[in-house]
Protein backbone atom coordinates (compact mmCIF):
# COMPACT_ATOMS: atom_id res chain seq x y z
CA UNK A 1 99.93 68.67 133.98
CA UNK A 2 102.28 70.91 135.98
CA UNK A 3 104.00 73.87 134.36
CA UNK A 4 107.39 72.14 134.75
CA UNK A 5 106.20 69.03 132.91
CA UNK A 6 104.72 71.25 130.22
CA UNK A 7 108.03 73.03 129.73
CA UNK A 8 109.87 69.70 129.62
CA UNK A 9 107.51 68.37 126.96
CA UNK A 10 107.91 71.57 124.92
CA UNK A 11 111.68 71.29 125.15
CA UNK A 12 111.58 67.65 124.00
CA UNK A 13 109.35 68.69 121.04
CA UNK A 14 111.85 71.46 120.22
CA UNK A 15 114.68 68.91 120.19
CA UNK A 16 112.78 66.70 117.75
CA UNK A 17 112.05 69.77 115.65
CA UNK A 18 115.76 70.60 115.44
CA UNK A 19 116.58 66.97 114.53
CA UNK A 20 113.98 67.06 111.78
CA UNK A 21 115.42 70.36 110.43
CA UNK A 22 118.90 68.80 110.30
CA UNK A 23 117.62 65.79 108.40
CA UNK A 24 115.86 68.07 105.92
CA UNK A 25 118.99 70.10 105.41
CA UNK A 26 121.04 67.00 104.72
CA UNK A 27 118.50 65.57 102.25
CA UNK A 28 118.10 68.82 100.34
CA UNK A 29 121.83 69.47 100.37
CA UNK A 30 122.25 66.20 98.53
CA UNK A 31 119.37 66.98 96.13
CA UNK A 32 120.70 70.46 95.31
CA UNK A 33 124.22 69.14 94.74
CA UNK A 34 122.84 66.40 92.45
CA UNK A 35 120.71 68.83 90.51
CA UNK A 36 123.56 71.26 90.06
CA UNK A 37 125.87 68.48 88.90
CA UNK A 38 123.33 67.10 86.45
CA UNK A 39 122.48 70.60 85.11
CA UNK A 40 126.20 71.18 84.47
CA UNK A 41 126.18 67.94 82.38
CA UNK A 42 122.99 69.28 80.63
CA UNK A 43 121.10 66.19 81.74
CA UNK A 44 118.41 68.24 83.49
CA UNK A 45 117.35 71.85 83.43
CA UNK A 46 118.97 74.26 85.89
CA UNK A 47 115.55 75.31 87.08
CA UNK A 48 115.21 72.02 89.03
CA UNK A 49 118.18 73.08 91.19
CA UNK A 50 116.58 76.47 91.67
CA UNK A 51 113.33 74.92 92.76
CA UNK A 52 115.16 72.65 95.16
CA UNK A 53 116.68 75.69 96.77
CA UNK A 54 113.29 77.43 97.06
CA UNK A 55 111.70 74.32 98.62
CA UNK A 56 114.60 74.03 101.08
CA UNK A 57 114.26 77.65 102.08
CA UNK A 58 110.50 77.28 102.49
CA UNK A 59 110.90 74.17 104.68
CA UNK A 60 113.57 75.82 106.90
CA UNK A 61 111.46 78.95 107.28
CA UNK A 62 108.42 76.93 108.28
CA UNK A 63 110.33 74.87 110.88
CA UNK A 64 112.06 78.02 112.16
CA UNK A 65 108.68 79.71 112.61
CA UNK A 66 107.36 76.81 114.65
CA UNK A 67 110.55 76.68 116.71
CA UNK A 68 110.31 80.43 117.47
CA UNK A 69 106.71 79.98 118.66
CA UNK A 70 107.76 77.14 120.90
CA UNK A 71 110.52 79.21 122.39
CA UNK A 72 108.11 82.05 123.18
CA UNK A 73 105.77 79.58 124.99
CA UNK A 74 108.66 78.10 126.93
CA UNK A 75 109.81 81.59 127.92
CA UNK A 76 106.28 82.58 128.99
CA UNK A 77 105.82 79.40 131.05
CA UNK A 78 109.29 79.78 132.61
CA UNK A 79 108.54 83.27 133.79
CA UNK A 80 105.34 81.92 135.36
CA UNK A 81 107.31 79.64 137.65
CA UNK A 82 110.12 82.20 138.04
CA UNK A 83 112.69 80.17 136.10
CA UNK A 84 114.46 83.32 135.05
CA UNK A 85 117.47 81.78 133.31
CA UNK A 86 115.41 79.46 131.06
CA UNK A 87 112.90 82.23 130.34
CA UNK A 88 115.58 84.81 129.35
CA UNK A 89 117.55 82.37 127.15
CA UNK A 90 114.51 81.23 125.21
CA UNK A 91 113.10 84.80 124.91
CA UNK A 92 116.47 86.01 123.50
CA UNK A 93 116.65 83.15 120.98
CA UNK A 94 112.99 83.68 119.98
CA UNK A 95 113.51 87.45 119.44
CA UNK A 96 116.76 86.79 117.53
CA UNK A 97 115.05 84.14 115.35
CA UNK A 98 112.18 86.58 114.59
CA UNK A 99 114.69 89.21 113.50
CA UNK A 100 116.42 86.68 111.14
CA UNK A 101 113.12 85.67 109.65
CA UNK A 102 112.22 89.25 108.88
CA UNK A 103 115.67 89.74 107.33
CA UNK A 104 115.20 86.59 105.17
CA UNK A 105 111.77 87.73 104.01
CA UNK A 106 113.14 91.22 103.17
CA UNK A 107 116.10 89.84 101.23
CA UNK A 108 114.07 87.38 99.17
CA UNK A 109 110.96 89.43 98.68
CA UNK A 110 112.48 92.84 98.03
CA UNK A 111 113.10 92.14 94.31
CA UNK A 112 109.37 91.21 93.90
CA UNK A 113 108.17 94.12 95.97
CA UNK A 114 110.37 96.67 94.10
CA UNK A 115 112.32 97.66 97.18
CA UNK A 116 115.34 99.65 96.14
CA UNK A 117 114.72 98.89 92.48
CA UNK A 118 115.08 95.16 93.06
CA UNK A 119 116.13 93.36 89.88
CA UNK A 120 114.99 96.17 87.64
CA UNK A 121 118.18 98.22 88.06
CA UNK A 122 120.50 95.43 86.74
CA UNK A 123 118.04 94.98 83.80
CA UNK A 124 118.25 98.70 83.04
CA UNK A 125 122.03 98.55 83.16
CA UNK A 126 121.89 95.69 80.65
CA UNK A 127 119.67 97.82 78.38
CA UNK A 128 122.09 100.68 78.47
CA UNK A 129 124.93 98.33 77.61
CA UNK A 130 123.00 96.78 74.71
CA UNK A 131 122.24 100.20 73.23
CA UNK A 132 125.89 101.22 73.40
CA UNK A 133 126.86 97.95 71.75
CA UNK A 134 124.45 98.60 68.91
CA UNK A 135 125.83 102.13 68.32
CA UNK A 136 129.40 100.75 68.27
CA UNK A 137 128.48 98.06 65.75
CA UNK A 138 126.82 100.58 63.48
CA UNK A 139 129.82 102.83 63.54
CA UNK A 140 132.07 99.93 62.56
CA UNK A 141 129.65 99.02 59.77
CA UNK A 142 129.69 102.69 58.55
CA UNK A 143 133.50 102.82 58.50
CA UNK A 144 133.57 99.88 56.07
CA UNK A 145 130.51 100.62 53.92
CA UNK A 146 130.12 104.37 54.03
CA UNK A 147 126.55 104.02 55.32
CA UNK A 148 124.74 102.53 58.24
CA UNK A 149 123.04 99.14 58.24
CA UNK A 150 119.38 99.62 57.21
CA UNK A 151 116.32 97.74 58.32
CA UNK A 152 112.65 97.90 57.45
CA UNK A 153 110.38 95.30 59.07
CA UNK A 154 107.59 95.93 56.59
CA UNK A 155 109.83 94.86 53.73
CA UNK A 156 110.99 91.80 55.64
CA UNK A 157 114.71 92.71 55.60
CA UNK A 158 115.16 92.78 59.37
CA UNK A 159 115.87 89.09 59.51
CA UNK A 160 112.45 88.26 60.82
CA UNK A 161 112.69 90.73 63.69
CA UNK A 162 109.77 93.06 64.36
CA UNK A 163 109.55 96.78 65.33
CA UNK A 164 112.25 97.75 62.72
CA UNK A 165 114.82 96.24 65.02
CA UNK A 166 117.44 94.27 63.08
CA UNK A 167 118.47 90.72 64.03
CA UNK A 168 122.01 91.44 62.93
CA UNK A 169 124.30 94.32 61.98
CA UNK A 170 126.54 92.96 59.28
CA UNK A 171 129.46 90.94 60.58
CA UNK A 172 129.96 93.30 63.55
CA UNK A 173 126.94 92.06 65.51
CA UNK A 174 125.82 88.76 64.11
CA UNK A 175 123.05 88.48 66.77
CA UNK A 176 121.69 91.67 68.17
CA UNK A 177 120.85 91.71 71.88
CA UNK A 178 117.31 91.44 73.15
CA UNK A 179 115.61 92.99 76.12
CA UNK A 180 116.14 91.20 79.45
CA UNK A 181 112.38 90.92 79.89
CA UNK A 182 111.97 89.44 76.42
CA UNK A 183 108.73 90.27 74.57
CA UNK A 184 107.37 92.16 77.51
CA UNK A 185 109.49 95.24 76.64
CA UNK A 186 111.18 94.59 73.28
CA UNK A 187 113.80 96.81 71.72
CA UNK A 188 112.55 99.07 68.96
CA UNK A 189 114.08 100.75 65.93
CA UNK A 190 113.08 103.35 63.31
CA UNK A 191 112.98 102.42 59.65
CA UNK A 192 116.14 103.83 58.13
CA UNK A 193 116.01 102.31 54.65
CA UNK A 194 115.44 105.75 53.16
CA UNK A 195 117.94 107.26 55.63
CA UNK A 196 121.18 105.16 55.45
CA UNK A 197 123.00 108.10 56.99
CA UNK A 198 121.12 107.58 60.27
CA UNK A 199 119.78 104.98 62.66
CA UNK A 200 117.90 104.86 65.93
CA UNK A 201 117.22 102.00 68.32
CA UNK A 202 115.80 102.43 71.80
CA UNK A 203 114.97 100.50 74.95
CA UNK A 204 112.25 101.03 77.50
CA UNK A 205 113.60 101.52 81.04
CA UNK A 206 111.90 100.28 84.18
CA UNK A 207 113.31 102.99 86.42
CA UNK A 208 112.58 106.60 85.46
CA UNK A 209 115.91 108.43 85.26
CA UNK A 210 115.94 112.01 86.64
CA UNK A 211 119.65 112.53 87.03
CA UNK A 212 120.84 112.97 83.43
CA UNK A 213 120.54 116.43 81.75
CA UNK A 214 117.09 117.00 80.33
CA UNK A 215 115.48 114.40 82.57
CA UNK A 216 114.03 116.67 85.27
CA UNK A 217 110.60 115.13 84.90
CA UNK A 218 112.03 111.66 84.26
CA UNK A 219 113.37 109.84 81.22
CA UNK A 220 112.03 106.32 80.58
CA UNK A 221 113.83 105.47 77.37
CA UNK A 222 117.41 105.10 76.20
CA UNK A 223 118.48 105.32 72.59
CA UNK A 224 121.34 104.37 70.29
CA UNK A 225 121.93 106.82 67.45
CA UNK A 226 124.61 108.03 65.03
CA UNK A 227 125.16 111.00 67.41
CA UNK A 228 125.56 108.74 70.47
CA UNK A 229 123.33 107.42 73.25
CA UNK A 230 120.67 109.46 74.94
CA UNK A 231 118.07 109.33 77.71
CA UNK A 232 114.63 110.23 76.34
CA UNK A 233 111.46 111.50 77.97
CA UNK A 234 109.15 110.10 75.32
CA UNK A 235 109.09 107.17 72.92
CA UNK A 236 110.77 108.42 69.74
CA UNK A 237 108.91 108.42 66.45
CA UNK A 238 111.24 110.43 64.18
CA UNK A 239 115.04 110.43 64.05
CA UNK A 240 115.07 113.85 65.69
CA UNK A 241 113.19 112.44 68.62
CA UNK A 242 116.03 110.00 69.36
CA UNK A 243 118.42 112.76 70.47
CA UNK A 244 117.94 114.46 73.84
């Protein structure tokens, strides 16, 4: 087989590859639309739509990788027979496609690799917001009752919640927030049944904070107290430990 015939065969294969990619895109576009529509109607779980997107991305990346390899081969063979135009065009497209693939991998894998904090920073922002919400609810409870809402998990008066963390704060917070990671890093509280004039709840942060005052060596916890919200270096045990 001559080099020219080999190049022609590779280019025909590339055309079929592109046609296959278009068909896959059309099929999955319909599947994703159907899954989203059915999930809105609560007929199926939204996770099916998410999995459809992931399978689509995986299929496109696989076909794109094969296409890039074919373009490199065409470019190499074209240079061999001094077909400079075909060689340069395919080499440029192959290099550009390689760059796009690296970009896609970086965007989709960075949250799992912890690049730039990934998804942990939004989760920490949620934790800070939850602790502020708890402090506000307690202050509203205090203004009406002259004391803070008390909770002792050992006595079973935390609404079934563990770690001395209440499931509710009166009518001001009928359902207390939970950590974005669920049971992996639950919110904690300190028993304040004997101290109705105080309270302390705290969250475990994923990113060590070194910017706030007193966090030179890093603060990995954030508290909600009667005195406000504070970054903490260590997990608090006593009420005094909850204030930085």
